Amino acid sequence: NVYVVNGEESAEEVFEEIKNEISKLLK
């Protein structure tokens, strides 16, 4: 996935998305 960080999306939200992607890969 491509993560676009703008004024609307905080680093924490991006980090949560990345964690979700990693957890899917580990299942």
Protein backbone atom coordinates (compact mmCIF):
# COMPACT_ATOMS: atom_id res chain seq x y z
CA ASN A 1 0.00 0.00 0.00
CA VAL A 2 0.99 3.59 -0.54
CA TYR A 3 0.66 5.82 2.50
CA VAL A 4 -0.03 9.46 1.74
CA VAL A 5 0.59 11.71 4.71
CA ASN A 6 -1.14 15.07 4.53
CA GLY A 7 -2.65 17.53 6.99
CA GLU A 8 -5.59 15.17 7.52
CA GLU A 9 -3.66 12.04 8.43
CA SER A 10 -1.41 11.89 11.46
CA ALA A 11 1.66 9.71 11.82
CA GLU A 12 -0.19 7.64 14.41
CA GLU A 13 -2.91 6.77 11.91
CA VAL A 14 -0.33 5.76 9.32
CA PHE A 15 1.42 3.62 11.92
CA GLU A 16 -1.85 1.87 12.76
CA GLU A 17 -2.42 1.10 9.06
CA ILE A 18 1.07 -0.34 8.75
CA LYS A 19 0.57 -2.48 11.86
CA ASN A 20 -2.67 -3.80 10.38
CA GLU A 21 -0.90 -4.73 7.14
CA ILE A 22 1.88 -6.51 9.05
CA SER A 23 -0.59 -8.41 11.21
CA LYS A 24 -2.34 -9.63 8.04
CA LEU A 25 0.96 -10.90 6.66
CA LEU A 26 1.74 -12.76 9.88
CA LYS A 27 -1.58 -14.60 9.97
